[in-house]
């Protein structure tokens, strides 16, 4: 019986610690004070054209323009853990102050723009070719949270 009690207490402790870490990462974030937006522009080919915004409350708004599975405006959500991963990528890589434009003169390359709003601070990072190293993981998380989000529902 003591082993069962120990197992239950251990499981509860691990679950509580896991949840509190994610919860503390996004504590105080709301739709009004935190958002990350990705916009993918057009190219001469079949590039996906869309805008996706993830808000501090985990809500997602996706606006598919062309060459995407979901054309039109869609709403969805992401988990607290996924939101926390996005927030930590921004924070750990200093992306809320990372002022970079990588705009090559290549007419066919689609423009990618990531805009971050954290309270009154706003920052925009944009590029055409060659995703900046500091942004690669954030871009991957944004794509899975917007373009590839399975919870999207048409408005």
Protein backbone atom coordinates (compact mmCIF):
# COMPACT_ATOMS: atom_id res chain seq x y z
CA UNK A 1 0.00 0.00 0.00
CA UNK A 2 2.89 2.40 0.71
CA UNK A 3 4.26 1.86 -2.79
CA UNK A 4 0.88 2.75 -4.32
CA UNK A 5 0.65 5.91 -2.19
CA UNK A 6 4.21 6.88 -3.12
CA UNK A 7 3.43 6.32 -6.81
CA UNK A 8 0.29 8.47 -6.65
CA UNK A 9 2.07 11.28 -4.78
CA UNK A 10 4.98 11.14 -7.24
CA UNK A 11 2.67 11.27 -10.24
CA UNK A 12 0.72 14.18 -8.74
CA UNK A 13 3.96 16.06 -7.99
CA UNK A 14 5.34 15.54 -11.49
CA UNK A 15 2.05 16.58 -13.09
CA UNK A 16 1.74 19.66 -10.88
CA UNK A 17 5.32 20.74 -11.54
CA UNK A 18 4.87 20.19 -15.29
CA UNK A 19 1.70 22.24 -15.38
CA UNK A 20 3.04 25.04 -13.19
CA UNK A 21 6.08 25.49 -15.43
CA UNK A 22 3.93 26.00 -18.52
CA UNK A 23 1.41 28.09 -16.61
CA UNK A 24 4.11 30.36 -15.18
CA UNK A 25 5.60 30.83 -18.65
CA UNK A 26 2.37 32.40 -19.91
CA UNK A 27 1.16 33.94 -16.65
CA UNK A 28 -0.34 37.37 -17.26
CA UNK A 29 -0.46 36.97 -21.05
CA UNK A 30 -3.76 37.85 -22.71
CA UNK A 31 -5.12 38.35 -26.19
CA UNK A 32 -4.68 42.09 -25.70
CA UNK A 33 -1.10 42.20 -24.41
CA UNK A 34 0.74 39.45 -26.32
CA UNK A 35 0.70 38.17 -29.89
CA UNK A 36 2.98 36.70 -32.51
CA UNK A 37 1.97 37.02 -36.16
CA UNK A 38 3.49 35.29 -39.16
CA UNK A 39 2.78 36.44 -42.69
CA UNK A 40 3.96 34.49 -45.71
CA UNK A 41 3.85 36.36 -49.02
CA UNK A 42 3.39 35.25 -52.59
CA UNK A 43 5.92 33.96 -55.08
CA UNK A 44 5.58 33.18 -58.80
CA UNK A 45 4.86 29.53 -57.99
CA UNK A 46 2.79 27.63 -55.43
CA UNK A 47 4.05 29.25 -52.21
CA UNK A 48 1.49 29.28 -49.39
CA UNK A 49 0.15 32.79 -48.79
CA UNK A 50 -1.33 33.37 -45.34
CA UNK A 51 -1.31 35.28 -42.07
CA UNK A 52 -1.52 33.53 -38.72
CA UNK A 53 -1.68 35.15 -35.31
CA UNK A 54 -1.22 33.43 -31.96
CA UNK A 55 -2.47 35.41 -28.97
CA UNK A 56 -1.36 35.30 -25.35
CA UNK A 57 -4.48 33.36 -24.37
CA UNK A 58 -3.68 30.53 -26.82
CA UNK A 59 -6.21 31.59 -29.44
CA UNK A 60 -5.16 31.37 -33.09
CA UNK A 61 -6.55 33.30 -36.06
CA UNK A 62 -5.54 32.00 -39.49
CA UNK A 63 -6.25 33.84 -42.74
CA UNK A 64 -5.45 31.66 -45.74
CA UNK A 65 -5.13 33.50 -49.04
CA UNK A 66 -3.92 30.93 -51.58
CA UNK A 67 -2.01 27.66 -51.93
CA UNK A 68 -3.11 26.60 -48.42
CA UNK A 69 -5.49 23.91 -47.18
CA UNK A 70 -7.70 26.48 -45.43
CA UNK A 71 -8.61 29.53 -47.52
CA UNK A 72 -10.52 32.22 -45.65
CA UNK A 73 -10.55 33.09 -41.95
CA UNK A 74 -10.32 30.35 -39.34
CA UNK A 75 -10.14 30.24 -35.55
CA UNK A 76 -8.26 27.70 -33.47
CA UNK A 77 -6.24 27.20 -30.32
CA UNK A 78 -2.90 25.90 -29.18
CA UNK A 79 -2.04 24.25 -25.88
CA UNK A 80 -0.47 26.12 -22.97
CA UNK A 81 2.69 24.05 -23.56
CA UNK A 82 2.86 25.10 -27.23
CA UNK A 83 2.23 28.74 -26.31
CA UNK A 84 4.95 28.51 -23.68
CA UNK A 85 7.37 27.10 -26.27
CA UNK A 86 6.67 30.11 -28.53
CA UNK A 87 7.05 32.61 -25.68
CA UNK A 88 10.32 30.98 -24.58
CA UNK A 89 11.73 31.03 -28.12
CA UNK A 90 11.06 34.76 -28.33
CA UNK A 91 12.50 35.41 -24.87
CA UNK A 92 15.54 33.10 -25.03
CA UNK A 93 16.62 34.39 -28.45
CA UNK A 94 15.92 38.06 -27.77
CA UNK A 95 13.51 38.17 -30.68
CA UNK A 96 11.34 40.87 -29.16
CA UNK A 97 14.28 43.25 -29.78
CA UNK A 98 16.00 41.46 -32.71
CA UNK A 99 15.81 44.17 -35.39
CA UNK A 100 16.68 42.50 -38.65
CA UNK A 101 15.60 42.71 -42.24
CA UNK A 102 17.00 40.23 -44.71
CA UNK A 103 15.44 41.44 -47.94
CA UNK A 104 17.31 40.06 -50.92
CA UNK A 105 16.55 41.44 -54.34
CA UNK A 106 14.98 38.20 -55.57
CA UNK A 107 11.57 38.92 -57.09
CA UNK A 108 10.29 35.33 -56.85
CA UNK A 109 11.22 34.78 -53.20
CA UNK A 110 8.26 35.04 -50.83
CA UNK A 111 8.54 37.57 -48.02
CA UNK A 112 8.20 36.17 -44.50
CA UNK A 113 7.32 38.59 -41.72
CA UNK A 114 7.13 37.79 -38.01
CA UNK A 115 5.66 40.49 -35.77
CA UNK A 116 5.84 40.22 -32.00
CA UNK A 117 3.79 42.31 -29.59
CA UNK A 118 4.64 42.07 -25.90
CA UNK A 119 2.78 44.72 -23.94
CA UNK A 120 3.72 48.04 -25.51
CA UNK A 121 6.83 46.62 -27.20
CA UNK A 122 6.51 45.64 -30.84
CA UNK A 123 9.12 44.12 -33.12
CA UNK A 124 9.16 42.92 -36.72
CA UNK A 125 11.60 40.55 -38.38
CA UNK A 126 11.41 40.00 -42.12
CA UNK A 127 13.32 38.10 -44.76
CA UNK A 128 13.02 36.53 -48.18
CA UNK A 129 15.75 33.90 -48.54
CA UNK A 130 17.66 32.22 -45.75
CA UNK A 131 15.76 32.20 -42.47
CA UNK A 132 17.90 33.90 -39.80
CA UNK A 133 19.38 31.28 -37.45
CA UNK A 134 17.85 32.92 -34.35
CA UNK A 135 14.37 32.58 -35.87
CA UNK A 136 14.41 29.02 -37.28
CA UNK A 137 12.86 27.25 -34.27
CA UNK A 138 10.27 30.02 -33.80
CA UNK A 139 9.34 29.73 -37.49
CA UNK A 140 8.87 25.96 -37.10
CA UNK A 141 6.63 26.48 -34.05
CA UNK A 142 4.64 29.20 -35.81
CA UNK A 143 4.05 27.04 -38.88
CA UNK A 144 2.75 24.14 -36.78
CA UNK A 145 0.56 26.51 -34.73
CA UNK A 146 -0.98 28.27 -37.74
CA UNK A 147 -0.65 26.68 -41.19
CA UNK A 148 -0.62 23.09 -39.89
CA UNK A 149 -3.01 23.63 -36.92
CA UNK A 150 -5.59 20.82 -36.83
CA UNK A 151 -7.98 22.74 -34.54
CA UNK A 152 -8.86 25.41 -37.13
CA UNK A 153 -12.60 26.01 -37.63
CA UNK A 154 -14.04 28.30 -40.31
CA UNK A 155 -15.72 31.47 -39.17
